[in-house]
N, C-alpha and C. Protein backbone atom coordinates (compact mmCIF):
# COMPACT_ATOMS: atom_id res chain seq x y z
N UNK A 1 0.83 -1.20 0.00
CA UNK A 1 0.00 0.00 0.00
C UNK A 1 0.86 1.25 0.00
N UNK A 2 1.88 1.29 0.85
CA UNK A 2 2.76 2.44 0.93
C UNK A 2 3.53 2.62 -0.37
N UNK A 3 3.92 1.51 -0.99
CA UNK A 3 4.64 1.57 -2.26
C UNK A 3 3.76 2.15 -3.36
N UNK A 4 2.49 1.81 -3.34
CA UNK A 4 1.55 2.33 -4.34
C UNK A 4 1.41 3.85 -4.20
N UNK A 5 1.25 4.32 -2.98
CA UNK A 5 1.13 5.76 -2.74
C UNK A 5 2.42 6.46 -3.13
N UNK A 6 3.55 5.84 -2.78
CA UNK A 6 4.85 6.42 -3.13
C UNK A 6 5.02 6.50 -4.65
N UNK A 7 4.60 5.45 -5.35
CA UNK A 7 4.68 5.46 -6.82
C UNK A 7 3.77 6.52 -7.42
N UNK A 8 2.59 6.69 -6.85
CA UNK A 8 1.67 7.72 -7.34
C UNK A 8 2.26 9.12 -7.13
N UNK A 9 2.82 9.37 -5.96
CA UNK A 9 3.43 10.66 -5.69
C UNK A 9 4.63 10.91 -6.60
N UNK A 10 5.44 9.86 -6.84
CA UNK A 10 6.57 9.99 -7.75
C UNK A 10 6.08 10.33 -9.17
N UNK A 11 5.02 9.64 -9.60
CA UNK A 11 4.45 9.91 -10.92
C UNK A 11 3.97 11.36 -11.02
N UNK A 12 3.25 11.82 -10.00
CA UNK A 12 2.75 13.20 -10.01
C UNK A 12 3.90 14.20 -10.02
N UNK A 13 4.93 13.92 -9.26
CA UNK A 13 6.08 14.83 -9.21
C UNK A 13 6.79 14.88 -10.56
N UNK A 14 7.01 13.71 -11.17
CA UNK A 14 7.73 13.65 -12.44
C UNK A 14 6.94 14.28 -13.58
N UNK A 15 5.64 14.16 -13.50
CA UNK A 15 4.80 14.61 -14.62
C UNK A 15 3.93 15.82 -14.26
N UNK A 16 4.30 16.58 -13.25
CA UNK A 16 3.48 17.71 -12.82
C UNK A 16 3.35 18.78 -13.91
N UNK A 17 4.44 19.04 -14.65
CA UNK A 17 4.38 20.04 -15.72
C UNK A 17 3.40 19.60 -16.80
N UNK A 18 3.50 18.35 -17.21
CA UNK A 18 2.60 17.83 -18.25
C UNK A 18 1.15 17.86 -17.78
N UNK A 19 0.92 17.47 -16.54
CA UNK A 19 -0.44 17.47 -16.01
C UNK A 19 -1.02 18.89 -15.95
N UNK A 20 -0.19 19.84 -15.54
CA UNK A 20 -0.64 21.23 -15.48
C UNK A 20 -0.94 21.76 -16.89
N UNK A 21 -0.07 21.47 -17.84
CA UNK A 21 -0.31 21.90 -19.22
C UNK A 21 -1.60 21.28 -19.76
N UNK A 22 -1.82 20.01 -19.45
CA UNK A 22 -3.04 19.35 -19.91
C UNK A 22 -4.27 20.01 -19.31
N UNK A 23 -4.24 20.31 -18.02
CA UNK A 23 -5.39 20.95 -17.36
C UNK A 23 -5.69 22.32 -17.96
N UNK A 24 -4.64 23.10 -18.21
CA UNK A 24 -4.83 24.42 -18.83
C UNK A 24 -5.40 24.25 -20.24
N UNK A 25 -4.84 23.31 -20.99
CA UNK A 25 -5.34 23.05 -22.35
C UNK A 25 -6.80 22.63 -22.35
N UNK A 26 -7.16 21.76 -21.42
CA UNK A 26 -8.53 21.29 -21.31
C UNK A 26 -9.47 22.44 -20.97
N UNK A 27 -9.05 23.31 -20.04
CA UNK A 27 -9.88 24.47 -19.67
C UNK A 27 -10.05 25.41 -20.86
N UNK A 28 -8.97 25.65 -21.62
CA UNK A 28 -9.07 26.52 -22.80
C UNK A 28 -9.94 25.89 -23.88
N UNK A 29 -9.79 24.59 -24.07
CA UNK A 29 -10.57 23.89 -25.09
C UNK A 29 -12.06 23.98 -24.82
N UNK A 30 -12.43 23.90 -23.54
CA UNK A 30 -13.85 23.92 -23.19
C UNK A 30 -14.27 25.19 -22.46
N UNK A 31 -13.55 26.29 -22.70
CA UNK A 31 -13.89 27.56 -22.06
C UNK A 31 -15.29 28.03 -22.45
N UNK A 32 -15.71 27.73 -23.66
CA UNK A 32 -17.04 28.12 -24.13
C UNK A 32 -18.13 27.44 -23.31
N UNK A 33 -17.81 26.29 -22.72
CA UNK A 33 -18.78 25.57 -21.90
C UNK A 33 -18.68 26.00 -20.44
N UNK A 34 -17.44 26.24 -19.97
CA UNK A 34 -17.23 26.61 -18.57
C UNK A 34 -17.66 28.05 -18.27
N UNK A 35 -17.35 28.97 -19.19
CA UNK A 35 -17.68 30.39 -19.01
C UNK A 35 -18.39 30.90 -20.26
N UNK A 36 -19.64 30.51 -20.45
CA UNK A 36 -20.33 30.87 -21.70
C UNK A 36 -20.62 32.36 -21.82
N UNK A 37 -20.58 32.84 -23.06
CA UNK A 37 -20.98 34.21 -23.35
C UNK A 37 -22.50 34.27 -23.18
N UNK A 38 -23.00 35.29 -22.50
CA UNK A 38 -24.45 35.34 -22.28
C UNK A 38 -25.21 35.56 -23.59
N UNK A 39 -26.46 35.14 -23.58
CA UNK A 39 -27.33 35.44 -24.71
C UNK A 39 -27.92 36.83 -24.47
N UNK A 40 -28.50 37.40 -25.52
CA UNK A 40 -29.07 38.74 -25.39
C UNK A 40 -30.18 38.77 -24.35
N UNK A 41 -30.93 37.68 -24.23
CA UNK A 41 -32.02 37.59 -23.26
C UNK A 41 -31.55 37.55 -21.81
N UNK A 42 -30.28 37.18 -21.59
CA UNK A 42 -29.74 37.10 -20.22
C UNK A 42 -29.15 38.42 -19.74
N UNK A 43 -29.19 39.43 -20.59
CA UNK A 43 -28.62 40.73 -20.22
C UNK A 43 -29.68 41.65 -19.64
N UNK A 44 -29.26 42.45 -18.70
CA UNK A 44 -30.12 43.50 -18.13
C UNK A 44 -29.54 44.84 -18.54
N UNK A 45 -30.39 45.79 -18.87
CA UNK A 45 -29.92 47.11 -19.32
C UNK A 45 -29.82 48.08 -18.14
N UNK A 46 -28.80 48.91 -18.19
CA UNK A 46 -28.61 49.96 -17.19
C UNK A 46 -28.63 51.31 -17.90
N UNK A 47 -29.46 52.21 -17.44
CA UNK A 47 -29.51 53.59 -17.89
C UNK A 47 -29.27 54.46 -16.67
N UNK A 48 -28.36 55.39 -16.76
CA UNK A 48 -28.13 56.25 -15.62
C UNK A 48 -27.03 57.27 -15.89
N UNK A 49 -26.63 57.95 -14.85
CA UNK A 49 -25.58 58.96 -14.96
C UNK A 49 -24.28 58.38 -14.41
N UNK A 50 -23.21 58.64 -15.11
CA UNK A 50 -21.89 58.18 -14.68
C UNK A 50 -21.54 58.87 -13.36
N UNK A 51 -21.31 58.08 -12.33
CA UNK A 51 -20.97 58.64 -11.02
C UNK A 51 -19.46 58.85 -10.90
N UNK A 52 -18.69 57.83 -11.26
CA UNK A 52 -17.23 57.93 -11.15
C UNK A 52 -16.59 56.84 -11.99
N UNK A 53 -15.29 56.99 -12.23
CA UNK A 53 -14.52 55.95 -12.92
C UNK A 53 -13.07 56.06 -12.47
N UNK A 54 -12.40 54.93 -12.52
CA UNK A 54 -10.98 54.89 -12.13
C UNK A 54 -10.33 53.67 -12.74
N UNK A 55 -9.05 53.79 -13.06
CA UNK A 55 -8.28 52.65 -13.56
C UNK A 55 -7.86 51.79 -12.37
N UNK A 56 -8.02 50.48 -12.50
CA UNK A 56 -7.61 49.55 -11.45
C UNK A 56 -6.80 48.42 -12.07
N UNK A 57 -5.72 48.05 -11.39
CA UNK A 57 -4.94 46.89 -11.81
C UNK A 57 -5.60 45.63 -11.27
N UNK A 58 -5.33 44.52 -11.93
CA UNK A 58 -5.87 43.24 -11.54
C UNK A 58 -5.37 42.87 -10.14
N UNK A 59 -6.30 42.66 -9.21
CA UNK A 59 -5.94 42.32 -7.83
C UNK A 59 -6.08 40.83 -7.53
N UNK A 60 -6.38 40.03 -8.56
CA UNK A 60 -6.52 38.60 -8.34
C UNK A 60 -5.15 37.96 -8.07
N UNK A 61 -5.17 36.75 -7.55
CA UNK A 61 -3.93 36.03 -7.30
C UNK A 61 -3.15 35.88 -8.60
N UNK A 62 -3.86 35.52 -9.67
CA UNK A 62 -3.21 35.36 -10.98
C UNK A 62 -2.57 36.67 -11.43
N UNK A 63 -3.29 37.76 -11.28
CA UNK A 63 -2.77 39.06 -11.70
C UNK A 63 -1.57 39.51 -10.89
N UNK A 64 -1.57 39.19 -9.62
CA UNK A 64 -0.45 39.62 -8.76
C UNK A 64 0.80 38.78 -8.95
N UNK A 65 0.64 37.46 -9.10
CA UNK A 65 1.79 36.58 -9.04
C UNK A 65 2.19 35.93 -10.36
N UNK A 66 1.27 35.78 -11.30
CA UNK A 66 1.59 35.06 -12.53
C UNK A 66 1.63 35.94 -13.77
N UNK A 67 0.97 37.06 -13.75
CA UNK A 67 0.93 37.92 -14.94
C UNK A 67 2.13 38.87 -14.92
N UNK A 68 3.01 38.79 -15.90
CA UNK A 68 4.18 39.66 -15.89
C UNK A 68 3.82 41.14 -16.05
N UNK A 69 2.85 41.43 -16.88
CA UNK A 69 2.37 42.81 -17.06
C UNK A 69 0.94 42.85 -16.55
N UNK A 70 0.78 43.39 -15.37
CA UNK A 70 -0.54 43.40 -14.76
C UNK A 70 -1.53 44.17 -15.62
N UNK A 71 -2.68 43.57 -15.79
CA UNK A 71 -3.73 44.13 -16.63
C UNK A 71 -4.56 45.12 -15.82
N UNK A 72 -5.00 46.18 -16.46
CA UNK A 72 -5.88 47.12 -15.76
C UNK A 72 -7.09 47.43 -16.63
N UNK A 73 -8.16 47.83 -15.98
CA UNK A 73 -9.41 48.21 -16.65
C UNK A 73 -9.93 49.49 -16.00
N UNK A 74 -10.75 50.20 -16.74
CA UNK A 74 -11.49 51.32 -16.18
C UNK A 74 -12.73 50.76 -15.50
N UNK A 75 -12.83 50.99 -14.22
CA UNK A 75 -13.98 50.56 -13.44
C UNK A 75 -14.86 51.78 -13.24
N UNK A 76 -16.16 51.62 -13.51
CA UNK A 76 -17.05 52.78 -13.37
C UNK A 76 -18.28 52.43 -12.57
N UNK A 77 -18.86 53.47 -11.97
CA UNK A 77 -20.09 53.36 -11.19
C UNK A 77 -21.16 54.24 -11.84
N UNK A 78 -22.39 53.80 -11.68
CA UNK A 78 -23.54 54.54 -12.19
C UNK A 78 -24.35 55.01 -10.98
N UNK A 79 -24.71 56.29 -10.98
CA UNK A 79 -25.46 56.88 -9.86
C UNK A 79 -26.76 56.11 -9.64
N UNK A 80 -27.03 55.81 -8.39
CA UNK A 80 -28.27 55.14 -8.04
C UNK A 80 -28.27 53.64 -8.28
N UNK A 81 -27.13 53.06 -8.65
CA UNK A 81 -27.02 51.61 -8.91
C UNK A 81 -25.99 51.00 -7.98
N UNK A 82 -26.30 49.85 -7.47
CA UNK A 82 -25.31 49.11 -6.69
C UNK A 82 -24.32 48.46 -7.65
N UNK A 83 -23.12 48.28 -7.19
CA UNK A 83 -22.12 47.57 -7.97
C UNK A 83 -21.28 48.47 -8.85
N UNK A 84 -20.22 47.86 -9.37
CA UNK A 84 -19.30 48.54 -10.27
C UNK A 84 -19.23 47.74 -11.55
N UNK A 85 -18.85 48.40 -12.64
CA UNK A 85 -18.85 47.77 -13.96
C UNK A 85 -17.54 48.06 -14.67
N UNK A 86 -17.21 47.22 -15.66
CA UNK A 86 -16.03 47.45 -16.50
C UNK A 86 -16.38 47.02 -17.93
N UNK A 87 -15.61 47.52 -18.87
CA UNK A 87 -15.77 47.16 -20.27
C UNK A 87 -14.43 47.23 -20.98
N UNK A 88 -14.29 46.43 -22.03
CA UNK A 88 -13.08 46.47 -22.86
C UNK A 88 -13.04 47.73 -23.72
N UNK A 89 -14.16 48.41 -23.83
CA UNK A 89 -14.27 49.55 -24.74
C UNK A 89 -13.62 50.82 -24.21
N UNK A 90 -13.41 50.90 -22.89
CA UNK A 90 -12.84 52.10 -22.29
C UNK A 90 -11.50 51.74 -21.66
N UNK A 91 -10.47 52.43 -22.09
CA UNK A 91 -9.13 52.23 -21.54
C UNK A 91 -8.51 53.57 -21.20
N UNK A 92 -7.30 53.52 -20.71
CA UNK A 92 -6.63 54.77 -20.31
C UNK A 92 -6.39 55.69 -21.50
N UNK A 93 -6.29 55.11 -22.71
CA UNK A 93 -6.02 55.94 -23.89
C UNK A 93 -7.25 56.68 -24.40
N UNK A 94 -8.46 56.21 -24.10
CA UNK A 94 -9.65 56.87 -24.63
C UNK A 94 -10.68 57.26 -23.57
N UNK A 95 -10.34 57.13 -22.29
CA UNK A 95 -11.31 57.37 -21.23
C UNK A 95 -11.84 58.81 -21.24
N UNK A 96 -10.98 59.78 -21.55
CA UNK A 96 -11.42 61.18 -21.52
C UNK A 96 -12.29 61.53 -22.72
N UNK A 97 -12.20 60.76 -23.79
CA UNK A 97 -13.09 60.97 -24.94
C UNK A 97 -14.46 60.37 -24.68
N UNK A 98 -14.48 59.17 -24.10
CA UNK A 98 -15.76 58.48 -23.86
C UNK A 98 -16.44 58.99 -22.59
N UNK A 99 -15.67 59.17 -21.52
CA UNK A 99 -16.18 59.70 -20.26
C UNK A 99 -15.53 61.06 -19.99
N UNK A 100 -16.00 62.14 -20.65
CA UNK A 100 -15.33 63.43 -20.47
C UNK A 100 -15.44 63.98 -19.04
N UNK A 101 -16.49 63.58 -18.33
CA UNK A 101 -16.68 64.05 -16.95
C UNK A 101 -17.75 63.17 -16.29
N UNK A 102 -17.75 63.10 -14.98
CA UNK A 102 -18.85 62.41 -14.29
C UNK A 102 -20.16 63.16 -14.55
N UNK A 103 -21.25 62.42 -14.48
CA UNK A 103 -22.57 63.02 -14.67
C UNK A 103 -23.14 62.86 -16.06
N UNK A 104 -22.36 62.33 -17.01
CA UNK A 104 -22.90 62.14 -18.36
C UNK A 104 -23.82 60.91 -18.36
N UNK A 105 -24.82 60.89 -19.24
CA UNK A 105 -25.70 59.72 -19.31
C UNK A 105 -24.97 58.53 -19.97
N UNK A 106 -25.14 57.35 -19.39
CA UNK A 106 -24.56 56.12 -19.94
C UNK A 106 -25.65 55.05 -20.02
N UNK A 107 -25.47 54.16 -20.99
CA UNK A 107 -26.38 53.02 -21.14
C UNK A 107 -25.55 51.83 -21.58
N UNK A 108 -25.77 50.70 -20.95
CA UNK A 108 -25.06 49.47 -21.30
C UNK A 108 -25.86 48.30 -20.76
N UNK A 109 -25.43 47.10 -21.08
CA UNK A 109 -26.07 45.89 -20.58
C UNK A 109 -25.05 45.07 -19.80
N UNK A 110 -25.53 44.24 -18.89
CA UNK A 110 -24.66 43.35 -18.14
C UNK A 110 -25.42 42.08 -17.82
N UNK A 111 -24.69 41.03 -17.50
CA UNK A 111 -25.30 39.75 -17.16
C UNK A 111 -25.58 39.73 -15.67
N UNK A 112 -26.87 39.74 -15.31
CA UNK A 112 -27.23 39.81 -13.90
C UNK A 112 -27.31 38.43 -13.25
N UNK A 113 -27.58 37.39 -14.02
CA UNK A 113 -27.66 36.02 -13.49
C UNK A 113 -26.73 35.15 -14.31
N UNK A 114 -25.96 34.31 -13.62
CA UNK A 114 -24.97 33.48 -14.30
C UNK A 114 -25.45 32.04 -14.34
N UNK A 115 -25.24 31.37 -15.49
CA UNK A 115 -25.68 29.99 -15.68
C UNK A 115 -24.83 29.00 -14.90
N UNK A 116 -23.51 29.21 -14.93
CA UNK A 116 -22.62 28.20 -14.35
C UNK A 116 -21.62 28.86 -13.42
N UNK A 117 -20.58 29.44 -13.95
CA UNK A 117 -19.60 30.16 -13.16
C UNK A 117 -19.78 31.65 -13.40
N UNK A 118 -19.43 32.45 -12.43
CA UNK A 118 -19.54 33.89 -12.60
C UNK A 118 -18.37 34.37 -13.44
N UNK A 119 -18.64 34.62 -14.69
CA UNK A 119 -17.60 35.06 -15.61
C UNK A 119 -17.63 36.57 -15.76
N UNK A 120 -16.52 37.12 -16.16
CA UNK A 120 -16.49 38.53 -16.50
C UNK A 120 -16.36 39.47 -15.33
N UNK A 121 -15.95 38.98 -14.17
CA UNK A 121 -15.73 39.91 -13.07
C UNK A 121 -14.26 40.31 -13.03
N UNK A 122 -14.01 41.51 -12.61
CA UNK A 122 -12.66 42.06 -12.52
C UNK A 122 -12.62 42.90 -11.26
N UNK A 123 -11.91 42.45 -10.24
CA UNK A 123 -11.84 43.15 -8.95
C UNK A 123 -13.24 43.43 -8.39
N UNK A 124 -14.15 42.50 -8.59
CA UNK A 124 -15.51 42.66 -8.09
C UNK A 124 -16.43 43.46 -8.99
N UNK A 125 -15.90 44.00 -10.09
CA UNK A 125 -16.74 44.74 -11.04
C UNK A 125 -17.27 43.76 -12.09
N UNK A 126 -18.48 43.98 -12.57
CA UNK A 126 -19.14 43.11 -13.53
C UNK A 126 -18.91 43.63 -14.94
N UNK A 127 -18.67 42.71 -15.86
CA UNK A 127 -18.44 43.09 -17.25
C UNK A 127 -19.71 43.66 -17.86
N UNK A 128 -19.56 44.75 -18.61
CA UNK A 128 -20.70 45.33 -19.32
C UNK A 128 -20.55 45.03 -20.80
N UNK A 129 -21.68 44.92 -21.48
CA UNK A 129 -21.71 44.64 -22.91
C UNK A 129 -22.34 45.83 -23.61
N UNK A 130 -21.63 46.38 -24.58
CA UNK A 130 -22.10 47.56 -25.30
C UNK A 130 -21.97 48.79 -24.43
N UNK A 131 -22.00 49.95 -25.06
CA UNK A 131 -21.90 51.19 -24.29
C UNK A 131 -22.38 52.36 -25.14
N UNK A 132 -23.26 53.15 -24.56
CA UNK A 132 -23.66 54.44 -25.11
C UNK A 132 -23.30 55.45 -24.04
N UNK A 133 -22.42 56.38 -24.37
CA UNK A 133 -21.97 57.39 -23.41
C UNK A 133 -22.21 58.77 -23.99
N UNK A 134 -22.93 59.59 -23.26
CA UNK A 134 -23.23 60.96 -23.67
C UNK A 134 -23.92 61.00 -25.04
N UNK A 135 -24.79 60.01 -25.29
CA UNK A 135 -25.56 59.96 -26.52
C UNK A 135 -24.82 59.35 -27.70
N UNK A 136 -23.58 58.94 -27.54
CA UNK A 136 -22.79 58.35 -28.63
C UNK A 136 -22.63 56.86 -28.37
N UNK A 137 -23.05 56.05 -29.35
CA UNK A 137 -22.89 54.60 -29.21
C UNK A 137 -21.45 54.21 -29.51
N UNK A 138 -20.76 53.69 -28.50
CA UNK A 138 -19.39 53.20 -28.67
C UNK A 138 -19.44 51.82 -29.29
N UNK A 139 -20.32 50.97 -28.81
CA UNK A 139 -20.56 49.64 -29.36
C UNK A 139 -21.89 49.13 -28.86
N UNK A 140 -22.51 48.27 -29.64
CA UNK A 140 -23.79 47.69 -29.23
C UNK A 140 -23.51 46.45 -28.38
N UNK A 141 -24.47 46.03 -27.56
CA UNK A 141 -24.29 44.79 -26.80
C UNK A 141 -24.06 43.59 -27.71
N UNK A 142 -24.74 43.57 -28.83
CA UNK A 142 -24.60 42.45 -29.78
C UNK A 142 -23.16 42.35 -30.29
N UNK A 143 -22.56 43.49 -30.63
CA UNK A 143 -21.17 43.50 -31.11
C UNK A 143 -20.22 43.00 -30.03
N UNK A 144 -20.41 43.45 -28.80
CA UNK A 144 -19.54 43.03 -27.69
C UNK A 144 -19.66 41.52 -27.45
N UNK A 145 -20.88 40.99 -27.53
CA UNK A 145 -21.06 39.55 -27.35
C UNK A 145 -20.45 38.77 -28.50
N UNK A 146 -20.51 39.30 -29.72
CA UNK A 146 -19.89 38.62 -30.87
C UNK A 146 -18.37 38.55 -30.72
N UNK A 147 -17.76 39.60 -30.21
CA UNK A 147 -16.31 39.60 -29.98
C UNK A 147 -15.95 38.54 -28.94
N UNK A 148 -16.67 38.51 -27.81
CA UNK A 148 -16.41 37.51 -26.78
C UNK A 148 -16.64 36.10 -27.32
N UNK A 149 -17.68 35.93 -28.10
CA UNK A 149 -17.99 34.63 -28.68
C UNK A 149 -16.89 34.18 -29.63
N UNK A 150 -16.35 35.11 -30.42
CA UNK A 150 -15.24 34.77 -31.32
C UNK A 150 -14.05 34.24 -30.53
N UNK A 151 -13.69 34.92 -29.45
CA UNK A 151 -12.57 34.47 -28.62
C UNK A 151 -12.84 33.08 -28.05
N UNK A 152 -14.05 32.88 -27.52
CA UNK A 152 -14.35 31.62 -26.86
C UNK A 152 -14.53 30.45 -27.81
N UNK A 153 -14.97 30.70 -29.03
CA UNK A 153 -15.23 29.59 -29.95
C UNK A 153 -14.14 29.38 -31.00
N UNK A 154 -13.38 30.42 -31.34
CA UNK A 154 -12.43 30.28 -32.44
C UNK A 154 -10.97 30.55 -32.05
N UNK A 155 -10.71 31.19 -30.91
CA UNK A 155 -9.34 31.47 -30.51
C UNK A 155 -8.88 30.59 -29.36
N UNK A 156 -9.67 30.49 -28.30
CA UNK A 156 -9.26 29.72 -27.13
C UNK A 156 -9.21 28.20 -27.38
N UNK A 157 -10.17 27.58 -28.08
CA UNK A 157 -10.05 26.13 -28.31
C UNK A 157 -8.78 25.71 -29.07
N UNK A 158 -8.36 26.41 -30.14
CA UNK A 158 -7.08 26.02 -30.76
C UNK A 158 -5.89 26.19 -29.81
N UNK A 159 -5.92 27.22 -28.96
CA UNK A 159 -4.86 27.37 -27.96
C UNK A 159 -4.90 26.20 -26.97
N UNK A 160 -6.09 25.75 -26.65
CA UNK A 160 -6.24 24.59 -25.77
C UNK A 160 -5.68 23.33 -26.41
N UNK A 161 -5.97 23.14 -27.70
CA UNK A 161 -5.41 21.98 -28.41
C UNK A 161 -3.89 22.04 -28.44
N UNK A 162 -3.34 23.23 -28.66
CA UNK A 162 -1.89 23.40 -28.65
C UNK A 162 -1.31 23.05 -27.28
N UNK A 163 -1.95 23.52 -26.22
CA UNK A 163 -1.47 23.21 -24.86
C UNK A 163 -1.55 21.71 -24.58
N UNK A 164 -2.61 21.06 -25.04
CA UNK A 164 -2.73 19.61 -24.85
C UNK A 164 -1.65 18.87 -25.64
N UNK A 165 -1.38 19.31 -26.87
CA UNK A 165 -0.30 18.70 -27.66
C UNK A 165 1.05 18.88 -26.97
N UNK A 166 1.31 20.09 -26.47
CA UNK A 166 2.57 20.34 -25.75
C UNK A 166 2.65 19.49 -24.49
N UNK A 167 1.54 19.31 -23.80
CA UNK A 167 1.52 18.46 -22.60
C UNK A 167 1.84 17.02 -22.97
N UNK A 168 1.24 16.54 -24.06
CA UNK A 168 1.48 15.17 -24.50
C UNK A 168 2.94 14.98 -24.89
N UNK A 169 3.51 15.91 -25.66
CA UNK A 169 4.91 15.77 -26.07
C UNK A 169 5.85 15.90 -24.87
N UNK A 170 5.52 16.77 -23.94
CA UNK A 170 6.32 16.91 -22.72
C UNK A 170 6.26 15.63 -21.89
N UNK A 171 5.08 15.06 -21.80
CA UNK A 171 4.91 13.81 -21.05
C UNK A 171 5.71 12.69 -21.69
N UNK A 172 5.69 12.61 -23.03
CA UNK A 172 6.47 11.58 -23.73
C UNK A 172 7.96 11.75 -23.45
N UNK A 173 8.45 12.99 -23.45
CA UNK A 173 9.87 13.25 -23.17
C UNK A 173 10.21 12.86 -21.73
N UNK A 174 9.34 13.24 -20.80
CA UNK A 174 9.57 12.90 -19.39
C UNK A 174 9.56 11.39 -19.19
N UNK A 175 8.66 10.70 -19.87
CA UNK A 175 8.57 9.26 -19.78
C UNK A 175 9.82 8.59 -20.34
N UNK A 176 10.28 9.09 -21.49
CA UNK A 176 11.50 8.54 -22.10
C UNK A 176 12.71 8.78 -21.20
N UNK A 177 12.78 9.96 -20.60
CA UNK A 177 13.89 10.28 -19.69
C UNK A 177 13.86 9.37 -18.47
N UNK A 178 12.67 9.12 -17.93
CA UNK A 178 12.55 8.24 -16.76
C UNK A 178 12.93 6.81 -17.13
N UNK A 179 12.57 6.35 -18.31
CA UNK A 179 12.94 4.99 -18.76
C UNK A 179 14.43 4.86 -18.96
N UNK A 180 15.05 5.90 -19.53
CA UNK A 180 16.51 5.87 -19.72
C UNK A 180 17.22 5.84 -18.37
N UNK A 181 16.71 6.58 -17.41
CA UNK A 181 17.30 6.62 -16.08
C UNK A 181 17.16 5.26 -15.41
N UNK A 182 16.01 4.62 -15.62
CA UNK A 182 15.74 3.31 -15.03
C UNK A 182 16.65 2.24 -15.65
N UNK A 183 16.89 2.33 -16.96
CA UNK A 183 17.75 1.38 -17.66
C UNK A 183 19.20 1.53 -17.20
N UNK A 184 19.62 2.78 -16.99
CA UNK A 184 21.02 3.02 -16.62
C UNK A 184 21.31 2.62 -15.18
N UNK A 185 20.29 2.45 -14.34
CA UNK A 185 20.55 2.06 -12.95
C UNK A 185 20.37 0.60 -12.70
């Protein structure tokens, strides 16, 4: 019994890189299932006045310890609404054009109920889809969902397949190295 546990731990130690690559690949391959893009019917619309906005760096464990260049987003609040929101449409380079000052009217949609995992949160702010700021449509919710859908269905799965292939080839190399070591002893 102890030998079996020891062999399992040795296997996990020797192949930890391959196993991790496989898990990442699997998550990327099925990201469309794990974190689905909402349908138009699952979105709720927000109309209100921009209360405030600020750039925030990613405060997640991944953002702090694994991301070499920490990602930041403009987080904004709407007067009279609970919660904070973010969008890919507003960044530090265009924030003053889209949000010239607090108090301008804004309209966007967000996913209020999640089917499986809560996707699209950033430092506790909820992802918004589409944006109309000060009467100017920056993007429609449909366009924003199409962009997310493209990433989840056509970009992330091939990256997942690549990660799985790299995991398999890494595992084969590790296995060959372990067999050569076993033969030499």
